[in-house]
Amino acid sequence: MRLSRSSEFLALAAILVAGFLSVYALSDRLAESKPVLPETYEDEDLSLQGEKLKGFAFGFEGLIADWYWMRSLQYIGDKFIKASDQTISLDDLKPLNPRLLYPLLDNASTLDPQFMAVYAYGATVLPAIDAEEAIAIAKKGIENNPDEWRLYHYLGFIYWRLERYEEAADTYERGSKIEGAAPFMTLMAARMRGDAGSLDTARAIYRQVYEEARDSQSKENARLRLLQMDFFEEREIIRQALTEYRQANGRCPARWRDVTPLLASKSLPDGREFRADPEGNLVDPSDAAYLLVDTEGRCDVSLDREKTNIPLK
């Protein structure tokens, strides 16, 4: 017996509903049984190596090198975005698991051995990921460009960060002998054998890194480090003022305004001055208010971790 149109419609609707319910149930089942993938799964390994591409790119090696270079910048940028809810130290980027950064930079420098920005970026970022890879990319740059003094600065900078001061001194000294080398190289060669661990040395190095940076990430990292140097100098003087206040009053100050007269009588390097927000709170070099700490009568100053841009490590 032939079904009426209304019966056909209801039957079809029932089939469709049953189909949707089956798909929904199946998708839930698949989601529950989905295997847990390692964090590295999203980092697809490079399918081609620069060494194998070189000579077969029909003159487009430079263009391909640019592509690897841009991908390396985006790669680290994406890692930071995905880890925005974490506190990442500039000295240790391993929690980001950026295992493809070195292969990307290595490919770019193989295809274009004179690509200076690649070596500069590697020297700035790779030490916080893998020290030996950082040294390798800098040495590769020197091998390909032996008359470029900046590459010796990059390698010396890496050794300095690793506290391998004698190797840093030798590297800066070799670079200082290259024609056209900046006087900074001779200065650093001497400092590496003297006060390599001083704030003055750190400031001079990061200022040079900032001026030489050829990408925004390296420049921003150096800028934050320079702010950190300012903070270290401010903290020392603030602590002196807090000690003087406690000795004179027998207690810690209740607010920053209480120690403003003491701070006004002290000098910061390079003619800098302490600064305050409209409420009179002392602010750090990144313009976030300092925290006044009173721990059982011990007066101290601290950074506001929620608001400051100063590297905490």
C-alpha atoms as a PDB file:
ATOM      1  CA  MET A   1       0.000   0.000   0.000  1.00  0.00           C
ATOM      2  CA  ARG A   2       1.425   3.380  -0.989  1.00  0.00           C
ATOM      3  CA  LEU A   3       2.149   5.767   1.911  1.00  0.00           C
ATOM      4  CA  SER A   4       0.608   9.208   1.898  1.00  0.00           C
ATOM      5  CA  ARG A   5       2.835  12.220   1.378  1.00  0.00           C
ATOM      6  CA  SER A   6       2.554  13.130   5.058  1.00  0.00           C
ATOM      7  CA  SER A   7       3.596   9.615   6.061  1.00  0.00           C
ATOM      8  CA  GLU A   8       6.566   9.725   3.657  1.00  0.00           C
ATOM      9  CA  PHE A   9       7.634  13.057   5.124  1.00  0.00           C
ATOM     10  CA  LEU A  10       7.435  11.755   8.698  1.00  0.00           C
ATOM     11  CA  ALA A  11       9.404   8.647   7.776  1.00  0.00           C
ATOM     12  CA  LEU A  12      12.094  10.721   6.108  1.00  0.00           C
ATOM     13  CA  ALA A  13      12.244  13.083   9.094  1.00  0.00           C
ATOM     14  CA  ALA A  14      12.622  10.110  11.435  1.00  0.00           C
ATOM     15  CA  ILE A  15      15.492   8.745   9.349  1.00  0.00           C
ATOM     16  CA  LEU A  16      17.246  12.139   9.375  1.00  0.00           C
ATOM     17  CA  VAL A  17      16.826  12.567  13.127  1.00  0.00           C
ATOM     18  CA  ALA A  18      18.122   9.043  13.740  1.00  0.00           C
ATOM     19  CA  GLY A  19      21.085   9.786  11.494  1.00  0.00           C
ATOM     20  CA  PHE A  20      21.946  13.005  13.340  1.00  0.00           C
ATOM     21  CA  LEU A  21      21.678  11.270  16.704  1.00  0.00           C
ATOM     22  CA  SER A  22      23.928   8.476  15.494  1.00  0.00           C
ATOM     23  CA  VAL A  23      26.548  10.948  14.226  1.00  0.00           C
ATOM     24  CA  TYR A  24      26.385  12.888  17.507  1.00  0.00           C
ATOM     25  CA  ALA A  25      26.802   9.725  19.565  1.00  0.00           C
ATOM     26  CA  LEU A  26      29.649   8.572  17.332  1.00  0.00           C
ATOM     27  CA  SER A  27      31.462  11.922  17.597  1.00  0.00           C
ATOM     28  CA  ASP A  28      31.233  11.787  21.400  1.00  0.00           C
ATOM     29  CA  ARG A  29      32.559   8.247  21.325  1.00  0.00           C
ATOM     30  CA  LEU A  30      35.471   9.267  19.125  1.00  0.00           C
ATOM     31  CA  ALA A  31      36.241  12.265  21.325  1.00  0.00           C
ATOM     32  CA  GLU A  32      36.345  10.045  24.414  1.00  0.00           C
ATOM     33  CA  SER A  33      38.638   7.515  22.763  1.00  0.00           C
ATOM     34  CA  LYS A  34      40.905  10.103  21.082  1.00  0.00           C
ATOM     35  CA  PRO A  35      44.527   9.383  22.065  1.00  0.00           C
ATOM     36  CA  VAL A  36      46.425  12.050  24.003  1.00  0.00           C
ATOM     37  CA  LEU A  37      48.972  13.603  21.665  1.00  0.00           C
ATOM     38  CA  PRO A  38      52.285  15.030  22.849  1.00  0.00           C
ATOM     39  CA  GLU A  39      52.704  18.821  22.830  1.00  0.00           C
ATOM     40  CA  THR A  40      55.267  18.494  20.063  1.00  0.00           C
ATOM     41  CA  TYR A  41      52.699  17.001  17.698  1.00  0.00           C
ATOM     42  CA  GLU A  42      51.577  20.423  16.478  1.00  0.00           C
ATOM     43  CA  ASP A  43      55.148  21.224  15.422  1.00  0.00           C
ATOM     44  CA  GLU A  44      55.343  19.529  12.082  1.00  0.00           C
ATOM     45  CA  ASP A  45      58.933  18.627  11.261  1.00  0.00           C
ATOM     46  CA  LEU A  46      60.538  20.428   8.377  1.00  0.00           C
ATOM     47  CA  SER A  47      60.183  18.262   5.293  1.00  0.00           C
ATOM     48  CA  LEU A  48      63.109  19.859   3.480  1.00  0.00           C
ATOM     49  CA  GLN A  49      66.565  20.890   4.633  1.00  0.00           C
ATOM     50  CA  GLY A  50      68.287  23.977   3.325  1.00  0.00           C
ATOM     51  CA  GLU A  51      71.370  21.973   2.392  1.00  0.00           C
ATOM     52  CA  LYS A  52      69.299  19.744   0.104  1.00  0.00           C
ATOM     53  CA  LEU A  53      67.479  22.694  -1.430  1.00  0.00           C
ATOM     54  CA  LYS A  54      70.597  24.684  -2.167  1.00  0.00           C
ATOM     55  CA  GLY A  55      71.523  24.409  -5.817  1.00  0.00           C
ATOM     56  CA  PHE A  56      68.083  23.168  -6.822  1.00  0.00           C
ATOM     57  CA  ALA A  57      66.070  26.344  -6.144  1.00  0.00           C
ATOM     58  CA  PHE A  58      66.790  27.852  -9.566  1.00  0.00           C
ATOM     59  CA  GLY A  59      68.116  31.091  -8.117  1.00  0.00           C
ATOM     60  CA  PHE A  60      65.328  31.505  -5.574  1.00  0.00           C
ATOM     61  CA  GLU A  61      67.486  30.569  -2.555  1.00  0.00           C
ATOM     62  CA  GLY A  62      67.216  34.080  -1.130  1.00  0.00           C
ATOM     63  CA  LEU A  63      63.448  34.100  -1.437  1.00  0.00           C
ATOM     64  CA  ILE A  64      63.153  30.709   0.257  1.00  0.00           C
ATOM     65  CA  ALA A  65      65.547  31.895   2.995  1.00  0.00           C
ATOM     66  CA  ASP A  66      63.249  34.872   3.585  1.00  0.00           C
ATOM     67  CA  TRP A  67      60.336  32.472   3.944  1.00  0.00           C
ATOM     68  CA  TYR A  68      62.165  30.390   6.588  1.00  0.00           C
ATOM     69  CA  TRP A  69      63.177  33.609   8.361  1.00  0.00           C
ATOM     70  CA  MET A  70      59.625  34.959   8.506  1.00  0.00           C
ATOM     71  CA  ARG A  71      58.345  31.572   9.635  1.00  0.00           C
ATOM     72  CA  SER A  72      60.874  31.550  12.504  1.00  0.00           C
ATOM     73  CA  LEU A  73      59.566  34.911  13.748  1.00  0.00           C
ATOM     74  CA  GLN A  74      55.939  33.808  13.485  1.00  0.00           C
ATOM     75  CA  TYR A  75      56.778  30.487  15.099  1.00  0.00           C
ATOM     76  CA  ILE A  76      58.077  32.069  18.319  1.00  0.00           C
ATOM     77  CA  GLY A  77      55.345  34.701  18.274  1.00  0.00           C
ATOM     78  CA  ASP A  78      52.660  32.014  18.096  1.00  0.00           C
ATOM     79  CA  LYS A  79      54.311  30.141  20.967  1.00  0.00           C
ATOM     80  CA  PHE A  80      54.090  33.242  23.185  1.00  0.00           C
ATOM     81  CA  ILE A  81      50.467  33.855  22.242  1.00  0.00           C
ATOM     82  CA  LYS A  82      49.487  30.282  23.122  1.00  0.00           C
ATOM     83  CA  ALA A  83      51.321  30.581  26.455  1.00  0.00           C
ATOM     84  CA  SER A  84      49.837  33.984  27.336  1.00  0.00           C
ATOM     85  CA  ASP A  85      48.425  32.577  30.592  1.00  0.00           C
ATOM     86  CA  GLN A  86      51.874  31.425  31.733  1.00  0.00           C
ATOM     87  CA  THR A  87      54.803  33.347  33.203  1.00  0.00           C
ATOM     88  CA  ILE A  88      57.672  32.799  30.792  1.00  0.00           C
ATOM     89  CA  SER A  89      61.193  33.914  31.691  1.00  0.00           C
ATOM     90  CA  LEU A  90      63.232  35.514  28.916  1.00  0.00           C
ATOM     91  CA  ASP A  91      66.161  33.449  30.177  1.00  0.00           C
ATOM     92  CA  ASP A  92      64.342  30.140  29.750  1.00  0.00           C
ATOM     93  CA  LEU A  93      62.043  29.644  26.774  1.00  0.00           C
ATOM     94  CA  LYS A  94      62.160  25.853  26.970  1.00  0.00           C
ATOM     95  CA  PRO A  95      58.614  25.687  28.455  1.00  0.00           C
ATOM     96  CA  LEU A  96      57.406  26.972  25.063  1.00  0.00           C
ATOM     97  CA  ASN A  97      58.948  23.865  23.477  1.00  0.00           C
ATOM     98  CA  PRO A  98      60.247  25.795  20.413  1.00  0.00           C
ATOM     99  CA  ARG A  99      62.150  22.838  18.975  1.00  0.00           C
ATOM    100  CA  LEU A 100      61.861  23.984  15.352  1.00  0.00           C
ATOM    101  CA  LEU A 101      63.464  27.401  15.796  1.00  0.00           C
ATOM    102  CA  TYR A 102      67.016  26.218  15.205  1.00  0.00           C
ATOM    103  CA  PRO A 103      66.131  24.153  12.085  1.00  0.00           C
ATOM    104  CA  LEU A 104      64.284  27.157  10.652  1.00  0.00           C
ATOM    105  CA  LEU A 105      67.219  29.500  11.257  1.00  0.00           C
ATOM    106  CA  ASP A 106      69.698  26.897  10.050  1.00  0.00           C
ATOM    107  CA  ASN A 107      67.788  26.493   6.794  1.00  0.00           C
ATOM    108  CA  ALA A 108      67.598  30.243   6.250  1.00  0.00           C
ATOM    109  CA  SER A 109      71.331  30.723   6.849  1.00  0.00           C
ATOM    110  CA  THR A 110      72.246  27.763   4.635  1.00  0.00           C
ATOM    111  CA  LEU A 111      70.250  29.143   1.722  1.00  0.00           C
ATOM    112  CA  ASP A 112      71.525  32.694   2.317  1.00  0.00           C
ATOM    113  CA  PRO A 113      74.835  32.581   4.255  1.00  0.00           C
ATOM    114  CA  GLN A 114      75.008  36.401   4.358  1.00  0.00           C
ATOM    115  CA  PHE A 115      71.584  36.752   6.016  1.00  0.00           C
ATOM    116  CA  MET A 116      72.784  38.731   9.056  1.00  0.00           C
ATOM    117  CA  ALA A 117      69.373  39.109  10.696  1.00  0.00           C
ATOM    118  CA  VAL A 118      69.178  35.327  11.084  1.00  0.00           C
ATOM    119  CA  TYR A 119      72.421  35.189  13.071  1.00  0.00           C
ATOM    120  CA  ALA A 120      71.420  38.182  15.215  1.00  0.00           C
ATOM    121  CA  TYR A 121      68.054  36.652  16.074  1.00  0.00           C
ATOM    122  CA  GLY A 122      69.592  33.276  16.820  1.00  0.00           C
ATOM    123  CA  ALA A 123      72.129  34.847  19.184  1.00  0.00           C
ATOM    124  CA  THR A 124      69.383  36.719  21.028  1.00  0.00           C
ATOM    125  CA  VAL A 125      66.751  33.995  21.378  1.00  0.00           C
ATOM    126  CA  LEU A 126      68.455  30.599  21.102  1.00  0.00           C
ATOM    127  CA  PRO A 127      70.535  30.924  24.321  1.00  0.00           C
ATOM    128  CA  ALA A 128      67.265  30.681  26.260  1.00  0.00           C
ATOM    129  CA  ILE A 129      66.409  27.461  24.423  1.00  0.00           C
ATOM    130  CA  ASP A 130      69.622  25.595  23.678  1.00  0.00           C
ATOM    131  CA  ALA A 131      73.033  27.135  24.331  1.00  0.00           C
ATOM    132  CA  GLU A 132      74.907  24.842  21.975  1.00  0.00           C
ATOM    133  CA  GLU A 133      72.515  25.599  19.118  1.00  0.00           C
ATOM    134  CA  ALA A 134      73.000  29.306  19.785  1.00  0.00           C
ATOM    135  CA  ILE A 135      76.773  28.912  19.616  1.00  0.00           C
ATOM    136  CA  ALA A 136      76.462  26.802  16.469  1.00  0.00           C
ATOM    137  CA  ILE A 137      74.422  29.410  14.567  1.00  0.00           C
ATOM    138  CA  ALA A 138      76.810  32.209  15.591  1.00  0.00           C
ATOM    139  CA  LYS A 139      79.887  30.199  14.595  1.00  0.00           C
ATOM    140  CA  LYS A 140      78.218  29.353  11.300  1.00  0.00           C
ATOM    141  CA  GLY A 141      77.780  33.060  10.692  1.00  0.00           C
ATOM    142  CA  ILE A 142      81.454  33.746  11.378  1.00  0.00           C
ATOM    143  CA  GLU A 143      82.518  30.901   9.105  1.00  0.00           C
ATOM    144  CA  ASN A 144      80.409  32.314   6.278  1.00  0.00           C
ATOM    145  CA  ASN A 145      81.263  35.961   7.000  1.00  0.00           C
ATOM    146  CA  PRO A 146      84.699  36.104   8.662  1.00  0.00           C
ATOM    147  CA  ASP A 147      85.085  39.861   8.116  1.00  0.00           C
ATOM    148  CA  GLU A 148      81.803  40.852   9.787  1.00  0.00           C
ATOM    149  CA  TRP A 149      82.646  42.064  13.312  1.00  0.00           C
ATOM    150  CA  ARG A 150      79.013  42.006  14.479  1.00  0.00           C
ATOM    151  CA  LEU A 151      79.005  38.222  14.318  1.00  0.00           C
ATOM    152  CA  TYR A 152      81.812  38.126  16.876  1.00  0.00           C
ATOM    153  CA  HIS A 153      79.667  40.360  19.055  1.00  0.00           C
ATOM    154  CA  TYR A 154      76.782  37.880  18.752  1.00  0.00           C
ATOM    155  CA  LEU A 155      79.018  34.963  19.742  1.00  0.00           C
ATOM    156  CA  GLY A 156      80.637  36.966  22.550  1.00  0.00           C
ATOM    157  CA  PHE A 157      77.183  37.888  23.807  1.00  0.00           C
ATOM    158  CA  ILE A 158      76.200  34.210  23.984  1.00  0.00           C
ATOM    159  CA  TYR A 159      79.356  33.282  25.902  1.00  0.00           C
ATOM    160  CA  TRP A 160      78.734  36.212  28.268  1.00  0.00           C
ATOM    161  CA  ARG A 161      75.175  35.034  28.962  1.00  0.00           C
ATOM    162  CA  LEU A 162      76.564  31.579  29.733  1.00  0.00           C
ATOM    163  CA  GLU A 163      79.156  33.171  32.067  1.00  0.00           C
ATOM    164  CA  ARG A 164      81.955  31.755  29.924  1.00  0.00           C
ATOM    165  CA  TYR A 165      83.797  35.028  30.270  1.00  0.00           C
ATOM    166  CA  GLU A 166      87.217  33.961  29.003  1.00  0.00           C
ATOM    167  CA  GLU A 167      85.731  32.654  25.759  1.00  0.00           C
ATOM    168  CA  ALA A 168      83.687  35.852  25.520  1.00  0.00           C
ATOM    169  CA  ALA A 169      86.814  37.956  25.976  1.00  0.00           C
ATOM    170  CA  ASP A 170      88.698  36.047  23.275  1.00  0.00           C
ATOM    171  CA  THR A 171      85.755  36.385  20.885  1.00  0.00           C
ATOM    172  CA  TYR A 172      85.367  40.122  21.433  1.00  0.00           C
ATOM    173  CA  GLU A 173      89.112  40.563  21.052  1.00  0.00           C
ATOM    174  CA  ARG A 174      89.134  38.727  17.708  1.00  0.00           C
ATOM    175  CA  GLY A 175      86.219  40.807  16.522  1.00  0.00           C
ATOM    176  CA  SER A 176      87.854  44.057  17.615  1.00  0.00           C
ATOM    177  CA  LYS A 177      90.737  43.432  15.199  1.00  0.00           C
ATOM    178  CA  ILE A 178      88.474  43.393  12.147  1.00  0.00           C
ATOM    179  CA  GLU A 179      88.632  46.531  10.044  1.00  0.00           C
ATOM    180  CA  GLY A 180      85.757  48.867  10.859  1.00  0.00           C
ATOM    181  CA  ALA A 181      84.887  47.175  14.166  1.00  0.00           C
ATOM    182  CA  ALA A 182      83.101  49.396  16.674  1.00  0.00           C
ATOM    183  CA  PRO A 183      85.117  50.596  19.719  1.00  0.00           C
ATOM    184  CA  PHE A 184      82.540  48.677  21.755  1.00  0.00           C
ATOM    185  CA  MET A 185      84.338  45.446  20.825  1.00  0.00           C
ATOM    186  CA  THR A 186      87.620  46.525  22.429  1.00  0.00           C
ATOM    187  CA  LEU A 187      85.741  47.762  25.507  1.00  0.00           C
ATOM    188  CA  MET A 188      83.960  44.424  25.914  1.00  0.00           C
ATOM    189  CA  ALA A 189      87.154  42.428  25.447  1.00  0.00           C
ATOM    190  CA  ALA A 190      88.592  44.271  28.450  1.00  0.00           C
ATOM    191  CA  ARG A 191      85.454  44.081  30.565  1.00  0.00           C
ATOM    192  CA  MET A 192      85.087  40.324  30.049  1.00  0.00           C
ATOM    193  CA  ARG A 193      88.403  39.933  31.856  1.00  0.00           C
ATOM    194  CA  GLY A 194      87.488  42.399  34.573  1.00  0.00           C
ATOM    195  CA  ASP A 195      83.912  43.205  35.595  1.00  0.00           C
ATOM    196  CA  ALA A 196      82.007  40.895  33.260  1.00  0.00           C
ATOM    197  CA  GLY A 197      79.251  40.359  35.811  1.00  0.00           C
ATOM    198  CA  SER A 198      78.607  44.036  36.574  1.00  0.00           C
ATOM    199  CA  LEU A 199      75.455  45.988  35.767  1.00  0.00           C
ATOM    200  CA  ASP A 200      77.508  48.426  33.696  1.00  0.00           C
ATOM    201  CA  THR A 201      78.687  45.602  31.467  1.00  0.00           C
ATOM    202  CA  ALA A 202      75.184  44.174  31.136  1.00  0.00           C
ATOM    203  CA  ARG A 203      73.803  47.597  30.243  1.00  0.00           C
ATOM    204  CA  ALA A 204      76.496  48.188  27.619  1.00  0.00           C
ATOM    205  CA  ILE A 205      75.870  44.791  26.011  1.00  0.00           C
ATOM    206  CA  TYR A 206      72.078  45.064  25.919  1.00  0.00           C
ATOM    207  CA  ARG A 207      72.295  48.633  24.624  1.00  0.00           C
ATOM    208  CA  GLN A 208      74.438  47.356  21.764  1.00  0.00           C
ATOM    209  CA  VAL A 209      72.020  44.477  21.154  1.00  0.00           C
ATOM    210  CA  TYR A 210      69.147  46.962  21.088  1.00  0.00           C
ATOM    211  CA  GLU A 211      70.894  49.223  18.583  1.00  0.00           C
ATOM    212  CA  GLU A 212      71.951  46.323  16.355  1.00  0.00           C
ATOM    213  CA  ALA A 213      68.644  44.396  16.484  1.00  0.00           C
ATOM    214  CA  ARG A 214      67.154  43.735  13.061  1.00  0.00           C
ATOM    215  CA  ASP A 215      63.832  42.335  14.211  1.00  0.00           C
ATOM    216  CA  SER A 216      61.214  43.597  16.637  1.00  0.00           C
ATOM    217  CA  GLN A 217      61.421  40.616  19.008  1.00  0.00           C
ATOM    218  CA  SER A 218      65.168  40.970  19.613  1.00  0.00           C
ATOM    219  CA  LYS A 219      64.787  44.723  20.024  1.00  0.00           C
ATOM    220  CA  GLU A 220      61.960  44.316  22.534  1.00  0.00           C
ATOM    221  CA  ASN A 221      63.894  41.704  24.524  1.00  0.00           C
ATOM    222  CA  ALA A 222      66.875  44.060  24.741  1.00  0.00           C
ATOM    223  CA  ARG A 223      64.622  46.980  25.732  1.00  0.00           C
ATOM    224  CA  LEU A 224      63.110  44.960  28.583  1.00  0.00           C
ATOM    225  CA  ARG A 225      66.573  43.952  29.753  1.00  0.00           C
ATOM    226  CA  LEU A 226      67.634  47.606  29.814  1.00  0.00           C
ATOM    227  CA  LEU A 227      64.564  48.397  31.917  1.00  0.00           C
ATOM    228  CA  GLN A 228      65.627  45.560  34.205  1.00  0.00           C
ATOM    229  CA  MET A 229      69.050  47.191  34.637  1.00  0.00           C
ATOM    230  CA  ASP A 230      67.289  50.434  35.610  1.00  0.00           C
ATOM    231  CA  PHE A 231      65.204  48.518  38.141  1.00  0.00           C
ATOM    232  CA  PHE A 232      68.252  46.911  39.767  1.00  0.00           C
ATOM    233  CA  GLU A 233      69.823  50.339  40.230  1.00  0.00           C
ATOM    234  CA  GLU A 234      66.598  51.871  41.562  1.00  0.00           C
ATOM    235  CA  ARG A 235      66.015  48.980  43.946  1.00  0.00           C
ATOM    236  CA  GLU A 236      69.429  49.425  45.553  1.00  0.00           C
ATOM    237  CA  ILE A 237      68.816  53.110  46.264  1.00  0.00           C
ATOM    238  CA  ILE A 238      65.213  52.544  47.420  1.00  0.00           C
ATOM    239  CA  ARG A 239      66.441  49.924  49.877  1.00  0.00           C
ATOM    240  CA  GLN A 240      68.965  52.406  51.253  1.00  0.00           C
ATOM    241  CA  ALA A 241      66.191  54.962  51.749  1.00  0.00           C
ATOM    242  CA  LEU A 242      63.937  52.400  53.450  1.00  0.00           C
ATOM    243  CA  THR A 243      66.741  51.433  55.829  1.00  0.00           C
ATOM    244  CA  GLU A 244      67.366  55.089  56.696  1.00  0.00           C
ATOM    245  CA  TYR A 245      63.662  55.672  57.292  1.00  0.00           C
ATOM    246  CA  ARG A 246      63.339  52.688  59.612  1.00  0.00           C
ATOM    247  CA  GLN A 247      66.421  53.685  61.576  1.00  0.00           C
ATOM    248  CA  ALA A 248      64.989  57.177  62.052  1.00  0.00           C
ATOM    249  CA  ASN A 249      61.392  56.177  62.818  1.00  0.00           C
ATOM    250  CA  GLY A 250      61.606  52.663  64.214  1.00  0.00           C
ATOM    251  CA  ARG A 251      59.148  51.330  61.662  1.00  0.00           C
ATOM    252  CA  CYS A 252      58.624  50.851  57.939  1.00  0.00           C
ATOM    253  CA  PRO A 253      56.901  53.619  55.997  1.00  0.00           C
ATOM    254  CA  ALA A 254      53.144  53.223  55.482  1.00  0.00           C
ATOM    255  CA  ARG A 255      53.218  54.762  52.010  1.00  0.00           C
ATOM    256  CA  TRP A 256      55.709  55.883  49.391  1.00  0.00           C
ATOM    257  CA  ARG A 257      55.129  59.561  50.157  1.00  0.00           C
ATOM    258  CA  ASP A 258      56.835  58.967  53.508  1.00  0.00           C
ATOM    259  CA  VAL A 259      60.193  58.242  51.833  1.00  0.00           C
ATOM    260  CA  THR A 260      59.921  60.715  48.943  1.00  0.00           C
ATOM    261  CA  PRO A 261      62.149  63.311  50.691  1.00  0.00           C
ATOM    262  CA  LEU A 262      64.862  60.703  51.205  1.00  0.00           C
ATOM    263  CA  LEU A 263      64.700  59.543  47.589  1.00  0.00           C
ATOM    264  CA  ALA A 264      64.810  63.133  46.340  1.00  0.00           C
ATOM    265  CA  SER A 265      68.205  63.543  47.982  1.00  0.00           C
ATOM    266  CA  LYS A 266      69.694  60.553  46.148  1.00  0.00           C
ATOM    267  CA  SER A 267      70.954  60.306  42.563  1.00  0.00           C
ATOM    268  CA  LEU A 268      70.346  57.667  39.923  1.00  0.00           C
ATOM    269  CA  PRO A 269      72.894  56.899  37.179  1.00  0.00           C
ATOM    270  CA  ASP A 270      72.676  58.708  33.833  1.00  0.00           C
ATOM    271  CA  GLY A 271      70.742  61.594  35.366  1.00  0.00           C
ATOM    272  CA  ARG A 272      67.562  59.554  35.783  1.00  0.00           C
ATOM    273  CA  GLU A 273      65.028  60.486  38.452  1.00  0.00           C
ATOM    274  CA  PHE A 274      62.507  58.511  40.457  1.00  0.00           C
ATOM    275  CA  ARG A 275      58.946  58.850  39.174  1.00  0.00           C
ATOM    276  CA  ALA A 276      55.526  58.587  40.799  1.00  0.00           C
ATOM    277  CA  ASP A 277      51.954  58.089  39.550  1.00  0.00           C
ATOM    278  CA  PRO A 278      49.154  60.630  40.238  1.00  0.00           C
ATOM    279  CA  GLU A 279      48.419  58.912  43.579  1.00  0.00           C
ATOM    280  CA  GLY A 280      51.993  59.428  44.717  1.00  0.00           C
ATOM    281  CA  ASN A 281      53.016  55.777  44.345  1.00  0.00           C
ATOM    282  CA  LEU A 282      56.580  55.196  43.236  1.00  0.00           C
ATOM    283  CA  VAL A 283      56.618  53.513  39.816  1.00  0.00           C
ATOM    284  CA  ASP A 284      59.139  51.130  38.283  1.00  0.00           C
ATOM    285  CA  PRO A 285      60.864  51.745  34.911  1.00  0.00           C
ATOM    286  CA  SER A 286      57.888  50.180  33.087  1.00  0.00           C
ATOM    287  CA  ASP A 287      55.476  52.602  34.866  1.00  0.00           C
ATOM    288  CA  ALA A 288      53.882  49.984  37.135  1.00  0.00           C
ATOM    289  CA  ALA A 289      53.617  50.951  40.812  1.00  0.00           C
ATOM    290  CA  TYR A 290      56.267  49.504  43.113  1.00  0.00           C
ATOM    291  CA  LEU A 291      55.006  47.443  46.051  1.00  0.00           C
ATOM    292  CA  LEU A 292      56.033  48.551  49.536  1.00  0.00           C
ATOM    293  CA  VAL A 293      56.792  45.447  51.613  1.00  0.00           C
ATOM    294  CA  ASP A 294      56.814  45.216  55.413  1.00  0.00           C
ATOM    295  CA  THR A 295      57.727  41.705  56.561  1.00  0.00           C
ATOM    296  CA  GLU A 296      58.045  41.615  60.352  1.00  0.00           C
ATOM    297  CA  GLY A 297      59.714  45.002  60.405  1.00  0.00           C
ATOM    298  CA  ARG A 298      61.891  44.340  57.357  1.00  0.00           C
ATOM    299  CA  CYS A 299      61.231  47.090  54.830  1.00  0.00           C
ATOM    300  CA  ASP A 300      61.668  46.257  51.167  1.00  0.00           C
ATOM    301  CA  VAL A 301      60.501  47.085  47.663  1.00  0.00           C
ATOM    302  CA  SER A 302      59.049  44.635  45.165  1.00  0.00           C
ATOM    303  CA  LEU A 303      57.642  44.553  41.643  1.00  0.00           C
ATOM    304  CA  ASP A 304      53.937  44.081  41.006  1.00  0.00           C
ATOM    305  CA  ARG A 305      53.966  40.781  39.096  1.00  0.00           C
ATOM    306  CA  GLU A 306      50.510  41.417  37.663  1.00  0.00           C
ATOM    307  CA  LYS A 307      51.327  44.808  36.148  1.00  0.00           C
ATOM    308  CA  THR A 308      55.042  45.208  35.575  1.00  0.00           C
ATOM    309  CA  ASN A 309      56.810  44.577  32.267  1.00  0.00           C
ATOM    310  CA  ILE A 310      60.182  44.167  33.972  1.00  0.00           C
ATOM    311  CA  PRO A 311      61.587  40.627  33.483  1.00  0.00           C
ATOM    312  CA  LEU A 312      61.284  38.935  36.852  1.00  0.00           C
ATOM    313  CA  LYS A 313      64.291  36.666  36.298  1.00  0.00           C
END
